[in-house]
């Protein structure tokens, strides 16, 4: 399994002290803080099963522990337990509806669970936050991971959605990573170039970029479509191409 990007934890640090819900017992506060810190440490080391046990233990005692709701959702996503992740993150977002990292993780969980209504609800919040420039970290992000697929070889596919300048056009890409976290391949959706042939003008390309001396040299075109495709169409291209590597549900 892969390590959670450290920024997830940095974004959440301020809520650790709210992990106790209604408890005001100083001894209880100290115990929760110690357990939560241990779970966070385990998650940062990629020991997601062990971390999840700790967060679930805290939630069994305090179902409104914000820190543990969030981290249980994040670790469940890392374990590809998307239905469970969606439940934890929904509860957390009821308490913190504008939390950037939770919104991104909730989109990923609900996309895997095929809950389109929840995906669009959280996407709308995320894109509105970026439009309003209320989160400096989000403002610097060019894209976010919308969905992830485990692969039989121990790697995974990461489907990214780009934040478009207008917020109305959705562009996607997919990166295949090895078990060692090395990029194996990348494919992306791009507009046809200005110098495209007449029959390709105004269309969109699903293509694999090739590099020379660390500079993009050319695109290997996989598909040409006349209009900007919806996410489900792009998703189908990806799952068809990598069908032999994606474990059967």
Protein backbone atom coordinates (compact mmCIF):
# COMPACT_ATOMS: atom_id res chain seq x y z
CA UNK A 1 0.00 0.00 0.00
CA UNK A 2 1.07 3.57 -0.51
CA UNK A 3 1.67 6.24 2.06
CA UNK A 4 -0.85 9.02 2.48
CA UNK A 5 0.50 12.31 1.17
CA UNK A 6 1.77 14.11 4.31
CA UNK A 7 -0.21 17.24 3.45
CA UNK A 8 -3.39 15.38 4.43
CA UNK A 9 -2.16 15.26 8.00
CA UNK A 10 -0.88 18.83 7.99
CA UNK A 11 -4.27 20.08 6.87
CA UNK A 12 -5.94 18.20 9.68
CA UNK A 13 -3.64 18.97 12.61
CA UNK A 14 -5.81 21.73 14.06
CA UNK A 15 -8.71 19.33 14.62
CA UNK A 16 -6.83 16.79 16.72
CA UNK A 17 -7.96 18.49 19.92
CA UNK A 18 -11.59 18.18 18.81
CA UNK A 19 -11.34 14.41 18.62
CA UNK A 20 -13.13 13.92 21.92
CA UNK A 21 -16.65 15.00 21.04
CA UNK A 22 -18.32 15.91 24.36
CA UNK A 23 -15.66 14.52 26.73
CA UNK A 24 -14.02 16.98 29.14
CA UNK A 25 -12.28 14.48 31.44
CA UNK A 26 -8.56 15.50 31.41
CA UNK A 27 -7.42 11.89 31.68
CA UNK A 28 -9.68 10.96 28.78
CA UNK A 29 -8.35 13.88 26.75
CA UNK A 30 -4.77 12.74 27.30
CA UNK A 31 -5.65 9.15 26.40
CA UNK A 32 -7.40 10.13 23.17
CA UNK A 33 -4.56 12.42 22.14
CA UNK A 34 -2.01 9.67 22.70
CA UNK A 35 -4.01 7.07 20.79
CA UNK A 36 -4.82 9.45 17.95
CA UNK A 37 -1.16 10.45 17.60
CA UNK A 38 -0.18 6.77 17.44
CA UNK A 39 -2.78 6.10 14.74
CA UNK A 40 -1.57 9.10 12.75
CA UNK A 41 2.03 7.89 13.05
CA UNK A 42 1.08 4.42 11.82
CA UNK A 43 -0.84 5.88 8.87
CA UNK A 44 2.12 8.05 7.89
CA UNK A 45 4.24 4.88 7.82
CA UNK A 46 1.72 3.15 5.54
CA UNK A 47 0.46 0.79 8.25
CA UNK A 48 -3.14 1.51 7.43
CA UNK A 49 -4.79 -1.56 8.96
CA UNK A 50 -3.15 -0.92 12.33
CA UNK A 51 -3.98 2.78 12.14
CA UNK A 52 -7.60 2.09 11.25
CA UNK A 53 -8.02 -0.16 14.28
CA UNK A 54 -7.00 2.73 16.52
CA UNK A 55 -9.35 5.24 14.90
CA UNK A 56 -12.24 2.76 14.99
CA UNK A 57 -11.53 2.13 18.67
CA UNK A 58 -11.77 5.85 19.42
CA UNK A 59 -15.00 6.12 17.42
CA UNK A 60 -16.51 3.21 19.33
CA UNK A 61 -16.15 5.35 22.46
CA UNK A 62 -16.90 8.72 20.86
CA UNK A 63 -18.76 8.60 17.49
CA UNK A 64 -18.29 12.37 17.02
CA UNK A 65 -14.49 12.35 17.32
CA UNK A 66 -13.67 14.51 14.30
CA UNK A 67 -10.04 13.51 13.99
CA UNK A 68 -10.82 9.83 14.00
CA UNK A 69 -13.75 10.17 11.59
CA UNK A 70 -11.50 11.90 9.10
CA UNK A 71 -8.54 9.55 9.53
CA UNK A 72 -10.76 6.46 9.42
CA UNK A 73 -12.05 7.72 6.08
CA UNK A 74 -8.57 8.42 4.71
CA UNK A 75 -7.13 5.08 5.83
CA UNK A 76 -10.17 3.18 4.52
CA UNK A 77 -9.61 4.81 1.12
CA UNK A 78 -5.96 3.72 1.21
CA UNK A 79 -7.14 0.17 1.91
CA UNK A 80 -9.64 0.35 -0.99
CA UNK A 81 -12.51 -0.02 1.48
CA UNK A 82 -14.46 2.70 -0.24
CA UNK A 83 -17.94 2.04 1.16
CA UNK A 84 -16.62 2.33 4.72
CA UNK A 85 -14.58 5.41 3.78
CA UNK A 86 -17.71 7.09 2.40
CA UNK A 87 -19.59 6.56 5.68
CA UNK A 88 -16.80 8.02 7.83
CA UNK A 89 -16.23 10.98 5.53
CA UNK A 90 -19.94 11.79 5.20
CA UNK A 91 -20.18 12.00 8.99
CA UNK A 92 -17.08 14.16 9.16
CA UNK A 93 -18.33 16.51 6.43
CA UNK A 94 -21.60 16.93 8.31
CA UNK A 95 -19.41 18.49 11.02
CA UNK A 96 -16.81 20.22 8.79
CA UNK A 97 -18.55 20.75 5.41
CA UNK A 98 -15.76 22.79 3.79
CA UNK A 99 -12.71 20.68 4.72
CA UNK A 100 -10.66 20.38 1.53
CA UNK A 101 -8.91 17.05 2.14
CA UNK A 102 -12.16 15.46 3.33
CA UNK A 103 -14.01 16.66 0.23
CA UNK A 104 -11.36 15.14 -2.05
CA UNK A 105 -11.34 11.86 -0.16
CA UNK A 106 -15.15 11.74 -0.10
CA UNK A 107 -15.32 12.26 -3.87
CA UNK A 108 -12.91 9.35 -4.33
CA UNK A 109 -14.86 7.09 -1.98
CA UNK A 110 -18.26 7.84 -3.51
CA UNK A 111 -16.92 7.59 -7.07
CA UNK A 112 -15.75 4.06 -6.33
CA UNK A 113 -19.15 3.33 -4.75
CA UNK A 114 -20.97 4.73 -7.83
CA UNK A 115 -22.87 7.29 -5.77
CA UNK A 116 -23.06 10.03 -8.41
CA UNK A 117 -25.26 12.32 -6.31
CA UNK A 118 -22.71 12.49 -3.51
CA UNK A 119 -19.84 12.86 -5.99
CA UNK A 120 -21.48 15.89 -7.58
CA UNK A 121 -22.43 17.38 -4.21
CA UNK A 122 -18.84 17.30 -2.98
CA UNK A 123 -17.36 18.31 -6.35
CA UNK A 124 -19.57 21.39 -6.35
CA UNK A 125 -18.28 22.37 -2.90
CA UNK A 126 -14.67 21.72 -3.87
CA UNK A 127 -14.82 23.69 -7.11
CA UNK A 128 -16.65 26.56 -5.41
CA UNK A 129 -13.95 26.72 -2.74
CA UNK A 130 -11.33 26.93 -5.45
CA UNK A 131 -13.29 29.59 -7.33
CA UNK A 132 -13.56 31.70 -4.18
CA UNK A 133 -9.84 31.18 -3.40
CA UNK A 134 -10.57 30.49 0.27
CA UNK A 135 -7.92 27.77 0.62
CA UNK A 136 -4.31 28.67 -0.32
CA UNK A 137 -3.30 25.02 -0.67
CA UNK A 138 -6.27 24.21 -2.92
CA UNK A 139 -5.48 27.27 -5.04
CA UNK A 140 -2.05 25.80 -5.85
CA UNK A 141 -3.41 22.39 -6.86
CA UNK A 142 -3.70 21.79 -10.59
CA UNK A 143 -5.70 18.58 -10.17
CA UNK A 144 -6.92 16.07 -7.60
CA UNK A 145 -7.32 12.30 -7.51
CA UNK A 146 -10.93 11.50 -8.35
CA UNK A 147 -10.66 7.70 -8.39
CA UNK A 148 -8.13 4.96 -7.74
CA UNK A 149 -7.95 1.34 -8.88
CA UNK A 150 -5.74 -1.30 -7.30
CA UNK A 151 -3.80 -3.43 -9.80
CA UNK A 152 -2.85 -7.08 -9.62
CA UNK A 153 0.87 -6.24 -9.79
CA UNK A 154 0.72 -4.24 -6.55
CA UNK A 155 0.55 -0.87 -8.29
CA UNK A 156 -2.48 1.28 -8.94
CA UNK A 157 -4.20 3.58 -11.40
CA UNK A 158 -4.80 7.17 -10.32
CA UNK A 159 -7.49 9.03 -12.28
CA UNK A 160 -7.01 12.78 -11.94
CA UNK A 161 -9.46 15.58 -12.65
CA UNK A 162 -7.91 18.90 -13.62
CA UNK A 163 -9.17 22.17 -12.19
CA UNK A 164 -10.04 24.06 -15.37
CA UNK A 165 -9.74 27.86 -15.46
CA UNK A 166 -13.50 28.28 -16.04
CA UNK A 167 -14.61 25.44 -13.76
CA UNK A 168 -16.99 24.32 -16.51
CA UNK A 169 -14.73 22.03 -18.54
CA UNK A 170 -13.53 18.79 -16.99
CA UNK A 171 -10.25 17.32 -18.20
CA UNK A 172 -8.92 14.00 -16.98
CA UNK A 173 -5.74 11.97 -16.97
CA UNK A 174 -4.68 8.60 -15.65
CA UNK A 175 -1.32 7.66 -14.20
CA UNK A 176 -0.27 4.06 -13.73
CA UNK A 177 2.14 3.62 -10.83
CA UNK A 178 4.15 0.55 -9.94
CA UNK A 179 4.25 -1.08 -6.51
CA UNK A 180 7.46 0.92 -5.95
CA UNK A 181 5.64 4.20 -6.66
CA UNK A 182 7.28 4.74 -10.05
CA UNK A 183 5.27 6.16 -12.92
CA UNK A 184 4.77 3.47 -15.56
CA UNK A 185 2.58 5.41 -17.98
CA UNK A 186 0.33 8.43 -18.30
CA UNK A 187 -2.58 9.22 -20.59
CA UNK A 188 -4.54 12.46 -20.70
CA UNK A 189 -7.42 14.26 -22.34
CA UNK A 190 -6.35 17.33 -24.31
CA UNK A 191 -7.89 19.60 -26.97
CA UNK A 192 -6.72 18.98 -30.51
CA UNK A 193 -3.82 21.38 -31.28
CA UNK A 194 -4.35 24.52 -33.34
CA UNK A 195 -2.40 23.01 -36.25
CA UNK A 196 -4.47 19.79 -36.28
CA UNK A 197 -5.81 18.47 -39.55
CA UNK A 198 -9.21 19.88 -40.63
CA UNK A 199 -11.07 16.71 -39.63
CA UNK A 200 -9.60 16.90 -36.09
CA UNK A 201 -10.14 20.60 -35.42
CA UNK A 202 -12.37 21.25 -32.42
CA UNK A 203 -12.07 17.65 -31.24
CA UNK A 204 -10.43 16.17 -28.14
CA UNK A 205 -7.63 13.63 -27.92
CA UNK A 206 -7.06 10.87 -25.41
CA UNK A 207 -3.33 10.48 -25.75
CA UNK A 208 -0.11 9.31 -24.13
CA UNK A 209 2.61 11.97 -23.89
CA UNK A 210 6.15 10.96 -24.79
CA UNK A 211 9.14 12.85 -23.47
CA UNK A 212 12.66 13.56 -24.68
CA UNK A 213 15.25 15.13 -22.38
CA UNK A 214 12.52 15.72 -19.78
CA UNK A 215 10.49 17.73 -22.28
CA UNK A 216 7.19 16.68 -23.85
CA UNK A 217 8.06 15.62 -27.39
CA UNK A 218 4.86 14.22 -28.91
CA UNK A 219 1.51 12.62 -28.18
CA UNK A 220 0.63 9.05 -29.07
CA UNK A 221 -3.07 9.37 -29.86
CA UNK A 222 -5.32 6.63 -28.47
CA UNK A 223 -8.76 8.12 -29.22
CA UNK A 224 -10.27 11.13 -30.96
CA UNK A 225 -13.71 12.33 -29.85
CA UNK A 226 -15.74 15.21 -31.30
CA UNK A 227 -16.78 16.73 -27.97
CA UNK A 228 -15.61 16.84 -24.39
CA UNK A 229 -16.48 13.46 -22.85
CA UNK A 230 -18.15 12.92 -19.49
CA UNK A 231 -16.24 11.23 -16.68
CA UNK A 232 -18.00 7.90 -17.15
CA UNK A 233 -16.84 7.69 -20.76
CA UNK A 234 -13.22 8.38 -19.84
CA UNK A 235 -13.50 5.89 -16.99
CA UNK A 236 -14.72 3.22 -19.42
CA UNK A 237 -11.70 3.80 -21.70
CA UNK A 238 -9.38 3.33 -18.74
CA UNK A 239 -11.03 0.21 -17.33
CA UNK A 240 -11.16 -1.39 -20.77
CA UNK A 241 -7.48 -0.70 -21.45
CA UNK A 242 -6.36 -2.05 -18.07
CA UNK A 243 -8.99 -4.79 -17.69
CA UNK A 244 -6.36 -7.53 -17.41
CA UNK A 245 -4.67 -5.73 -14.51
CA UNK A 246 -7.72 -4.63 -12.50
CA UNK A 247 -8.92 -7.36 -10.09
CA UNK A 248 -12.46 -8.51 -10.62
CA UNK A 249 -14.92 -7.17 -8.04
